[in-house]
């Protein structure tokens, strides 16, 4: 007798696990494909100041760092993680509908912060479900996660087209449709029972992060998180900036999509690149390119110049991410990997919130020249990753022997 649809029978994988998980990955990316580029445009259409925009975007990032580990801990302890997806999707949809009826700073801030709390666990828990499929049944993670990135590109391009027609007024209805998809896909998500290992976000709430002696790991994660956080002003104000320069909504959507497409291309080629370059090379080179990217960004590049610069996202994000994940696997014992990943999530969230908040002031004071400050943030991150590389155990500079590629 067959098990009910979606349930695990005799240790077998749920039916259509890869397809269903890929569909679930698409739902939050449909939301993010609208929110990331265009939510600041909607805030700008409300005549909010640059400082207010920075605050509205930054505060949910802070609460996400607090809420996601708690939700992850709950998800790991109840019967099935997918149950949390259902609640996350429904409550996020409720806040999206409520946002349709407000337009002033404090109501928007409160509702968007609540949305940040309830929406925070959706993508990390989807990740955790996918990784359980990798561990238990040897599925290919990239086959599932790839379609989320495709959904992001499609959503951003549609959002750009709608923005060209309706302006910022299209943002909240489009996000609401995206949140409807998170509810639907939560019911599609495979049910795999109680997890055998904690997810990284829940491990942050219940376990120490990493052995105190692993200073190289700590510095590497903080440095990489600073490089990621240097993108804060870009996410907050790039769409507003490009719109002010006369680019259409479709062109703005294309510019964001090019960056994600370059990121996907890097992930596809990463295995081949790692046969030629070390993990440290990926981290340090990607961090160096981030410094260059934000130094060049304030100059009048033209549309083709911005397209070329957007392609660097493959290095400023994807290269650093692949390198850090590889080094965590090499340096951290398996039983501590989840909590270390949780700490990396924490560093990224807090530092991104800080740079997003500061970007409101910087953009208000200096306009596009504020991006030079982001190059300083990236340079600090680069310095910490270089120091982490020097502090890794068994380096020749510290009197040891190593066969590790440099």
Protein backbone atom coordinates (compact mmCIF):
# COMPACT_ATOMS: atom_id res chain seq x y z
CA UNK A 1 0.00 0.00 0.00
CA UNK A 2 1.41 3.38 -0.97
CA UNK A 3 2.05 6.09 1.61
CA UNK A 4 -0.04 9.26 1.35
CA UNK A 5 1.27 11.82 -1.07
CA UNK A 6 4.34 13.61 0.25
CA UNK A 7 5.05 11.26 3.18
CA UNK A 8 8.08 9.03 3.60
CA UNK A 9 7.52 5.28 3.43
CA UNK A 10 10.18 2.83 4.67
CA UNK A 11 12.98 5.34 4.40
CA UNK A 12 12.24 6.10 0.75
CA UNK A 13 12.33 9.65 -0.57
CA UNK A 14 8.98 11.40 -0.98
CA UNK A 15 7.65 11.21 -4.50
CA UNK A 16 9.03 13.88 -6.87
CA UNK A 17 11.24 15.23 -4.09
CA UNK A 18 13.60 17.16 -6.40
CA UNK A 19 10.82 18.67 -8.51
CA UNK A 20 8.72 19.68 -5.51
CA UNK A 21 11.66 21.19 -3.64
CA UNK A 22 12.68 23.10 -6.76
CA UNK A 23 9.16 24.54 -6.95
CA UNK A 24 9.31 25.52 -3.28
CA UNK A 25 12.61 27.34 -3.89
CA UNK A 26 10.88 29.36 -6.62
CA UNK A 27 8.25 30.85 -4.29
CA UNK A 28 10.44 33.00 -2.02
CA UNK A 29 12.56 33.98 -5.01
CA UNK A 30 9.44 35.32 -6.76
CA UNK A 31 8.97 37.57 -3.73
CA UNK A 32 12.63 38.54 -3.50
CA UNK A 33 12.82 39.26 -7.23
CA UNK A 34 10.30 42.05 -6.69
CA UNK A 35 11.23 43.18 -3.18
CA UNK A 36 15.00 43.39 -3.54
CA UNK A 37 15.15 45.76 -6.52
CA UNK A 38 11.78 47.51 -6.34
CA UNK A 39 10.59 47.79 -2.72
CA UNK A 40 12.94 50.78 -2.25
CA UNK A 41 11.32 52.30 -5.35
CA UNK A 42 7.91 52.04 -3.67
CA UNK A 43 9.29 53.62 -0.50
CA UNK A 44 10.73 56.43 -2.61
CA UNK A 45 7.34 56.93 -4.27
CA UNK A 46 5.91 57.65 -0.80
CA UNK A 47 8.29 60.62 -0.58
CA UNK A 48 10.22 59.03 2.26
CA UNK A 49 13.64 60.49 2.93
CA UNK A 50 16.78 58.50 2.17
CA UNK A 51 17.28 58.05 5.93
CA UNK A 52 13.76 56.66 6.35
CA UNK A 53 14.27 54.27 3.43
CA UNK A 54 17.48 53.03 5.02
CA UNK A 55 15.74 52.44 8.35
CA UNK A 56 12.77 50.60 6.82
CA UNK A 57 15.13 48.30 4.90
CA UNK A 58 17.60 47.77 7.76
CA UNK A 59 15.35 46.98 10.73
CA UNK A 60 13.84 43.79 9.21
CA UNK A 61 17.38 42.54 8.56
CA UNK A 62 18.14 42.82 12.26
CA UNK A 63 14.97 41.07 13.41
CA UNK A 64 15.52 38.38 10.77
CA UNK A 65 18.77 37.42 12.48
CA UNK A 66 16.86 36.97 15.75
CA UNK A 67 13.66 35.42 14.37
CA UNK A 68 15.11 32.92 11.89
CA UNK A 69 17.11 30.88 14.47
CA UNK A 70 14.09 30.68 16.79
CA UNK A 71 11.83 29.54 13.93
CA UNK A 72 14.51 27.10 12.80
CA UNK A 73 14.71 25.62 16.31
CA UNK A 74 10.93 25.18 16.34
CA UNK A 75 11.01 23.64 12.86
CA UNK A 76 13.70 21.16 13.92
CA UNK A 77 11.72 20.04 16.98
CA UNK A 78 8.23 19.62 15.56
CA UNK A 79 7.10 16.74 13.41
CA UNK A 80 8.08 18.25 10.06
CA UNK A 81 9.86 21.42 8.94
CA UNK A 82 7.33 22.01 6.17
CA UNK A 83 4.71 22.91 8.80
CA UNK A 84 6.69 26.06 9.59
CA UNK A 85 6.71 26.91 5.87
CA UNK A 86 2.91 26.92 5.89
CA UNK A 87 2.72 29.29 8.85
CA UNK A 88 5.50 31.50 7.52
CA UNK A 89 3.82 31.82 4.13
CA UNK A 90 0.36 32.59 5.57
CA UNK A 91 1.56 35.19 8.07
CA UNK A 92 3.80 36.82 5.46
CA UNK A 93 0.83 37.06 3.12
CA UNK A 94 -1.21 38.71 5.88
CA UNK A 95 1.44 41.41 6.38
CA UNK A 96 1.70 41.93 2.61
CA UNK A 97 -2.06 42.55 2.41
CA UNK A 98 -1.88 44.94 5.37
CA UNK A 99 0.90 46.93 3.69
CA UNK A 100 -1.47 47.66 0.81
CA UNK A 101 -3.39 50.00 3.12
CA UNK A 102 -0.57 52.09 4.64
CA UNK A 103 1.77 54.72 3.27
CA UNK A 104 3.37 56.56 6.17
CA UNK A 105 6.77 55.84 7.73
CA UNK A 106 5.82 54.30 11.08
CA UNK A 107 3.03 51.98 9.86
CA UNK A 108 5.24 50.85 6.97
CA UNK A 109 8.19 50.27 9.30
CA UNK A 110 6.10 48.26 11.78
CA UNK A 111 4.40 46.09 9.16
CA UNK A 112 7.56 45.51 7.13
CA UNK A 113 9.40 44.56 10.33
CA UNK A 114 6.64 42.07 11.19
CA UNK A 115 6.94 40.71 7.68
CA UNK A 116 10.68 40.33 8.22
CA UNK A 117 10.02 38.28 11.37
CA UNK A 118 7.48 35.86 9.89
CA UNK A 119 9.12 35.57 6.45
CA UNK A 120 12.67 35.09 7.79
CA UNK A 121 12.62 31.29 8.13
CA UNK A 122 11.03 30.45 4.76
CA UNK A 123 14.12 30.22 2.56
CA UNK A 124 16.50 28.79 5.22
CA UNK A 125 14.02 26.03 6.06
CA UNK A 126 13.56 25.26 2.37
CA UNK A 127 17.34 25.00 2.22
CA UNK A 128 17.31 22.64 5.20
CA UNK A 129 14.70 20.38 3.53
CA UNK A 130 16.79 20.27 0.36
CA UNK A 131 19.97 19.45 2.29
CA UNK A 132 18.16 16.63 4.09
CA UNK A 133 17.40 15.22 0.66
CA UNK A 134 21.08 15.48 -0.23
CA UNK A 135 22.16 13.66 2.94
CA UNK A 136 19.48 10.94 3.00
CA UNK A 137 18.99 10.17 -0.68
CA UNK A 138 22.01 11.72 -2.42
CA UNK A 139 20.00 14.23 -4.46
CA UNK A 140 21.82 17.05 -6.26
CA UNK A 141 21.31 20.30 -4.33
CA UNK A 142 22.15 22.47 -7.35
CA UNK A 143 19.32 20.91 -9.39
CA UNK A 144 16.86 22.17 -6.79
CA UNK A 145 18.39 25.54 -5.88
CA UNK A 146 19.08 26.51 -9.50
CA UNK A 147 15.40 26.98 -10.27
CA UNK A 148 15.04 29.47 -7.45
CA UNK A 149 17.64 31.67 -9.12
CA UNK A 150 15.81 31.33 -12.43
CA UNK A 151 12.58 32.38 -10.70
CA UNK A 152 14.36 35.41 -9.26
CA UNK A 153 15.47 36.53 -12.73
CA UNK A 154 12.00 36.00 -14.23
CA UNK A 155 10.36 37.85 -11.33
CA UNK A 156 12.80 40.77 -11.58
CA UNK A 157 12.29 41.10 -15.33
CA UNK A 158 8.50 41.02 -14.95
CA UNK A 159 8.79 43.50 -12.09
CA UNK A 160 10.85 45.82 -14.27
CA UNK A 161 8.28 45.63 -17.06
CA UNK A 162 5.43 46.33 -14.63
CA UNK A 163 7.41 49.16 -13.07
CA UNK A 164 7.74 50.78 -16.47
CA UNK A 165 3.95 50.74 -16.80
CA UNK A 166 2.70 51.38 -13.26
CA UNK A 167 5.75 52.74 -11.45
CA UNK A 168 6.16 52.02 -7.74
CA UNK A 169 2.43 51.24 -7.43
CA UNK A 170 3.04 47.76 -8.83
CA UNK A 171 5.40 46.67 -6.04
CA UNK A 172 3.03 45.68 -3.24
CA UNK A 173 0.46 43.87 -5.45
CA UNK A 174 3.30 41.94 -7.13
CA UNK A 175 4.81 41.03 -3.74
CA UNK A 176 1.38 39.91 -2.55
CA UNK A 177 1.07 37.54 -5.50
CA UNK A 178 4.51 36.23 -4.61
CA UNK A 179 3.44 35.57 -1.03
CA UNK A 180 0.37 33.69 -2.28
CA UNK A 181 2.83 31.39 -4.05
CA UNK A 182 4.73 30.83 -0.78
CA UNK A 183 1.53 29.56 0.83
CA UNK A 184 0.69 27.27 -2.10
CA UNK A 185 4.24 25.93 -2.33
CA UNK A 186 4.38 25.29 1.42
CA UNK A 187 1.69 22.64 0.91
CA UNK A 188 3.67 21.22 -2.02
CA UNK A 189 6.88 20.91 0.03
CA UNK A 190 8.00 17.32 0.69
CA UNK A 191 7.22 15.96 4.14
CA UNK A 192 10.29 14.12 5.39
CA UNK A 193 9.55 13.79 9.09
CA UNK A 194 11.61 15.02 12.00
CA UNK A 195 15.11 16.11 10.93
CA UNK A 196 18.11 14.03 11.92
CA UNK A 197 20.40 17.05 12.17
CA UNK A 198 19.74 20.64 13.23
CA UNK A 199 19.54 23.26 10.52
CA UNK A 200 22.25 25.97 10.62
CA UNK A 201 19.86 28.71 11.71
CA UNK A 202 18.50 26.69 14.63
CA UNK A 203 21.98 25.62 15.65
CA UNK A 204 22.84 29.29 16.15
CA UNK A 205 20.16 29.49 18.82
CA UNK A 206 21.08 26.35 20.74
CA UNK A 207 24.80 25.70 20.28
CA UNK A 208 28.14 27.52 20.43
CA UNK A 209 29.44 28.56 17.06
CA UNK A 210 32.96 27.27 16.63
CA UNK A 211 35.96 26.27 18.74
CA UNK A 212 37.51 29.38 20.25
CA UNK A 213 40.89 28.41 18.86
CA UNK A 214 39.72 28.64 15.25
CA UNK A 215 40.49 32.33 14.90
CA UNK A 216 41.14 31.91 11.18
CA UNK A 217 37.58 30.62 10.68
CA UNK A 218 36.08 33.48 12.69
CA UNK A 219 38.07 36.16 10.85
CA UNK A 220 37.31 34.58 7.49
CA UNK A 221 33.56 34.60 8.18
CA UNK A 222 33.56 38.18 9.49
CA UNK A 223 35.68 39.33 6.54
CA UNK A 224 33.41 37.59 4.01
CA UNK A 225 30.33 38.99 5.76
CA UNK A 226 31.79 42.51 5.45
CA UNK A 227 32.32 41.95 1.73
CA UNK A 228 28.70 40.79 1.44
CA UNK A 229 27.57 43.78 3.54
CA UNK A 230 29.33 46.14 1.14
CA UNK A 231 26.40 45.39 -1.19
CA UNK A 232 24.02 47.12 1.25
CA UNK A 233 23.82 50.47 -0.54
CA UNK A 234 23.49 48.69 -3.89
CA UNK A 235 20.43 46.72 -2.76
CA UNK A 236 18.89 49.78 -1.07
CA UNK A 237 19.43 52.50 -3.66
CA UNK A 238 20.61 51.11 -7.03
CA UNK A 239 17.11 50.88 -8.50
CA UNK A 240 16.28 54.41 -7.29
CA UNK A 241 19.57 55.69 -8.69
CA UNK A 242 19.16 54.03 -12.08
CA UNK A 243 15.58 55.25 -12.33
CA UNK A 244 16.75 58.80 -11.63
CA UNK A 245 19.33 58.41 -14.40
CA UNK A 246 16.52 57.73 -16.85
CA UNK A 247 16.63 53.96 -17.17
CA UNK A 248 13.28 52.26 -17.69
CA UNK A 249 11.87 49.69 -15.28
CA UNK A 250 12.72 46.96 -17.78
CA UNK A 251 16.32 48.14 -17.95
CA UNK A 252 16.58 48.25 -14.16
CA UNK A 253 15.18 44.73 -13.98
CA UNK A 254 17.68 43.61 -16.59
CA UNK A 255 20.60 45.10 -14.65
CA UNK A 256 19.62 43.20 -11.50
CA UNK A 257 19.02 40.03 -13.53
CA UNK A 258 22.45 40.20 -15.14
CA UNK A 259 24.06 40.08 -11.70
CA UNK A 260 22.07 37.01 -10.68
CA UNK A 261 22.74 35.32 -14.05
CA UNK A 262 26.48 35.88 -13.56
CA UNK A 263 26.18 34.40 -10.08
CA UNK A 264 24.45 31.30 -11.49
CA UNK A 265 27.13 30.92 -14.15
CA UNK A 266 29.83 31.00 -11.48
CA UNK A 267 28.11 28.34 -9.41
CA UNK A 268 27.84 26.12 -12.50
CA UNK A 269 31.55 26.56 -13.25
CA UNK A 270 32.75 26.49 -9.65
CA UNK A 271 33.76 22.82 -9.63
CA UNK A 272 35.94 23.38 -12.68
CA UNK A 273 37.46 26.55 -11.21
CA UNK A 274 38.32 24.75 -7.97
CA UNK A 275 40.49 22.33 -9.93
CA UNK A 276 42.70 25.29 -10.87
CA UNK A 277 42.40 27.73 -7.98
CA UNK A 278 42.41 27.30 -4.21
CA UNK A 279 39.51 28.24 -1.96
CA UNK A 280 41.56 31.11 -0.55
CA UNK A 281 42.14 32.43 -4.06
CA UNK A 282 38.38 32.57 -4.64
CA UNK A 283 37.80 34.41 -1.36
CA UNK A 284 40.63 36.93 -1.66
CA UNK A 285 40.11 37.62 -5.36
CA UNK A 286 36.35 38.05 -4.95
CA UNK A 287 36.90 40.41 -2.02
CA UNK A 288 39.41 42.43 -4.06
CA UNK A 289 36.94 42.73 -6.93
CA UNK A 290 34.31 44.03 -4.48
CA UNK A 291 36.64 46.90 -3.55
CA UNK A 292 37.09 47.66 -7.26
CA UNK A 293 33.36 47.35 -8.01
CA UNK A 294 32.27 50.02 -5.52
CA UNK A 295 35.10 52.37 -6.50
CA UNK A 296 33.99 52.23 -10.14
CA UNK A 297 30.22 52.26 -9.50
CA UNK A 298 29.87 56.06 -8.90
CA UNK A 299 31.30 56.91 -12.33
CA UNK A 300 29.08 57.59 -15.35
CA UNK A 301 29.26 54.18 -17.00
CA UNK A 302 26.27 54.12 -19.32
CA UNK A 303 23.97 51.13 -19.59
CA UNK A 304 26.54 48.80 -21.16
CA UNK A 305 29.06 49.80 -18.51
CA UNK A 306 26.63 48.95 -15.73
CA UNK A 307 25.92 45.59 -17.39
CA UNK A 308 29.63 44.81 -17.37
CA UNK A 309 29.93 45.92 -13.76
CA UNK A 310 26.94 43.79 -12.77
CA UNK A 311 28.71 40.73 -14.13
CA UNK A 312 31.24 41.21 -11.33
CA UNK A 313 28.56 39.98 -8.92
CA UNK A 314 29.78 36.51 -9.87
CA UNK A 315 33.01 37.36 -8.05
CA UNK A 316 31.92 39.78 -5.33
CA UNK A 317 29.28 37.34 -4.03
CA UNK A 318 29.46 33.86 -5.59
CA UNK A 319 33.25 33.47 -5.53
CA UNK A 320 33.46 34.53 -1.88
CA UNK A 321 30.51 32.31 -0.93
CA UNK A 322 31.94 29.19 -2.57
CA UNK A 323 35.33 29.79 -0.98
CA UNK A 324 33.92 30.30 2.51
CA UNK A 325 31.67 27.23 2.33
CA UNK A 326 34.60 25.12 1.19
CA UNK A 327 36.86 26.38 3.99
CA UNK A 328 34.17 25.69 6.59
CA UNK A 329 33.97 22.10 5.37
CA UNK A 330 37.78 21.79 5.55
CA UNK A 331 38.28 23.44 8.95
CA UNK A 332 35.18 22.65 11.00
CA UNK A 333 34.21 19.22 12.31
CA UNK A 334 30.93 17.90 10.95
CA UNK A 335 29.19 17.99 14.34
CA UNK A 336 29.93 21.73 14.59
CA UNK A 337 29.24 22.65 10.97
CA UNK A 338 25.59 23.62 11.49
CA UNK A 339 26.38 25.99 14.35
CA UNK A 340 29.26 27.51 12.40
CA UNK A 341 26.97 28.10 9.43
CA UNK A 342 24.49 29.67 11.85
CA UNK A 343 27.14 32.08 13.08
CA UNK A 344 27.99 32.99 9.48
CA UNK A 345 24.28 33.70 8.92
CA UNK A 346 24.39 35.96 12.01
CA UNK A 347 27.45 37.89 10.83
CA UNK A 348 25.93 38.42 7.39
CA UNK A 349 22.60 39.60 8.75
CA UNK A 350 23.92 42.03 11.33
CA UNK A 351 26.58 43.59 9.08
CA UNK A 352 24.19 43.88 6.12
CA UNK A 353 21.67 45.61 8.39
CA UNK A 354 24.34 48.03 9.57
CA UNK A 355 25.52 49.01 6.08
CA UNK A 356 21.91 49.28 4.85
CA UNK A 357 21.08 51.62 7.72
CA UNK A 358 24.21 53.72 7.11
CA UNK A 359 23.53 53.82 3.38
CA UNK A 360 20.44 55.95 4.04
CA UNK A 361 22.62 58.66 5.54
CA UNK A 362 25.40 58.23 2.99
CA UNK A 363 23.04 58.44 0.03
CA UNK A 364 21.32 61.47 1.51
CA UNK A 365 24.64 63.26 2.10
CA UNK A 366 26.71 62.18 -0.88
CA UNK A 367 24.38 60.60 -3.43
CA UNK A 368 26.10 58.09 -5.69
CA UNK A 369 29.49 59.01 -4.19
CA UNK A 370 28.36 57.20 -1.05
CA UNK A 371 29.38 53.98 -2.81
CA UNK A 372 33.00 54.86 -2.07
CA UNK A 373 32.20 54.07 1.57
CA UNK A 374 31.08 50.59 0.47
CA UNK A 375 34.53 50.08 -1.09
CA UNK A 376 36.02 50.85 2.34
CA UNK A 377 33.76 48.21 3.92
CA UNK A 378 34.86 45.70 1.27
CA UNK A 379 38.51 46.64 1.84
CA UNK A 380 38.13 45.94 5.56
CA UNK A 381 36.62 42.57 4.71
CA UNK A 382 39.50 41.86 2.32
CA UNK A 383 42.02 42.70 5.06
CA UNK A 384 40.38 40.26 7.48
CA UNK A 385 40.30 37.44 4.94
CA UNK A 386 43.99 37.97 4.18
CA UNK A 387 44.74 37.90 7.92
CA UNK A 388 42.63 34.74 8.30
CA UNK A 389 44.65 33.09 5.56
CA UNK A 390 47.86 33.96 7.37
CA UNK A 391 46.53 32.59 10.67
CA UNK A 392 45.37 29.23 9.37
CA UNK A 393 47.16 26.32 11.07
CA UNK A 394 50.33 24.76 9.67
CA UNK A 395 51.25 27.73 7.52
CA UNK A 396 54.94 27.96 6.66
CA UNK A 397 54.96 31.56 7.91
CA UNK A 398 54.17 30.24 11.37
CA UNK A 399 56.81 27.53 11.36
CA UNK A 400 54.60 24.67 10.18
CA UNK A 401 54.44 22.57 7.05
CA UNK A 402 51.59 22.56 4.62
CA UNK A 403 50.75 21.17 1.27
CA UNK A 404 47.70 23.39 0.94
CA UNK A 405 47.64 25.44 -2.25
CA UNK A 406 47.98 29.14 -1.71
